[in-house]
Amino acid sequence: MKKIILFAILLMAAASVSSCNTVSGMGRDIESLGRGMQKSSN
């Protein structure tokens, strides 16, 4: 559980630093966050 939370925090930090200046870019970042969380839970 701690790994998932840490991974989510790191991914959100990376998404905020990356170029998600548009709505579609932000949507892709959120989608990749969800995929990463699913992979880490398996």
C-alpha atoms as a PDB file:
ATOM      1  CA  MET A   1       0.000   0.000   0.000  1.00  0.00           C
ATOM      2  CA  LYS A   2       2.821   2.411   0.808  1.00  0.00           C
ATOM      3  CA  LYS A   3       4.408   1.683  -2.568  1.00  0.00           C
ATOM      4  CA  ILE A   4       1.213   2.637  -4.373  1.00  0.00           C
ATOM      5  CA  ILE A   5       0.899   5.911  -2.473  1.00  0.00           C
ATOM      6  CA  LEU A   6       4.546   6.776  -3.042  1.00  0.00           C
ATOM      7  CA  PHE A   7       4.263   5.913  -6.721  1.00  0.00           C
ATOM      8  CA  ALA A   8       1.150   8.077  -7.070  1.00  0.00           C
ATOM      9  CA  ILE A   9       2.843  11.035  -5.385  1.00  0.00           C
ATOM     10  CA  LEU A  10       5.923  10.729  -7.573  1.00  0.00           C
ATOM     11  CA  LEU A  11       3.829  10.413 -10.711  1.00  0.00           C
ATOM     12  CA  MET A  12       1.727  13.446  -9.811  1.00  0.00           C
ATOM     13  CA  ALA A  13       4.882  15.452  -9.169  1.00  0.00           C
ATOM     14  CA  ALA A  14       6.260  14.405 -12.531  1.00  0.00           C
ATOM     15  CA  ALA A  15       2.977  15.284 -14.214  1.00  0.00           C
ATOM     16  CA  SER A  16       2.917  18.725 -12.661  1.00  0.00           C
ATOM     17  CA  VAL A  17       6.466  19.403 -13.837  1.00  0.00           C
ATOM     18  CA  SER A  18       5.867  17.974 -17.299  1.00  0.00           C
ATOM     19  CA  SER A  19       4.131  19.814 -20.077  1.00  0.00           C
ATOM     20  CA  CYS A  20       0.461  19.355 -19.272  1.00  0.00           C
ATOM     21  CA  ASN A  21      -0.477  22.898 -20.234  1.00  0.00           C
ATOM     22  CA  THR A  22      -3.557  21.850 -22.171  1.00  0.00           C
ATOM     23  CA  VAL A  23      -6.661  19.977 -21.096  1.00  0.00           C
ATOM     24  CA  SER A  24      -5.878  17.048 -23.383  1.00  0.00           C
ATOM     25  CA  GLY A  25      -2.322  16.876 -22.048  1.00  0.00           C
ATOM     26  CA  MET A  26      -3.615  16.831 -18.482  1.00  0.00           C
ATOM     27  CA  GLY A  27      -6.052  14.061 -19.420  1.00  0.00           C
ATOM     28  CA  ARG A  28      -3.225  11.952 -20.796  1.00  0.00           C
ATOM     29  CA  ASP A  29      -1.198  12.503 -17.637  1.00  0.00           C
ATOM     30  CA  ILE A  30      -4.110  11.440 -15.438  1.00  0.00           C
ATOM     31  CA  GLU A  31      -4.677   8.398 -17.633  1.00  0.00           C
ATOM     32  CA  SER A  32      -1.021   7.386 -17.351  1.00  0.00           C
ATOM     33  CA  LEU A  33      -1.247   7.841 -13.583  1.00  0.00           C
ATOM     34  CA  GLY A  34      -4.166   5.404 -13.480  1.00  0.00           C
ATOM     35  CA  ARG A  35      -2.312   2.873 -15.598  1.00  0.00           C
ATOM     36  CA  GLY A  36       0.756   3.139 -13.407  1.00  0.00           C
ATOM     37  CA  MET A  37      -1.300   2.579 -10.280  1.00  0.00           C
ATOM     38  CA  GLN A  38      -2.935  -0.482 -11.842  1.00  0.00           C
ATOM     39  CA  LYS A  39       0.442  -1.941 -12.802  1.00  0.00           C
ATOM     40  CA  SER A  40       1.886  -1.345  -9.342  1.00  0.00           C
ATOM     41  CA  SER A  41      -1.084  -3.002  -7.655  1.00  0.00           C
ATOM     42  CA  ASN A  42      -0.565  -6.223  -9.644  1.00  0.00           C
END
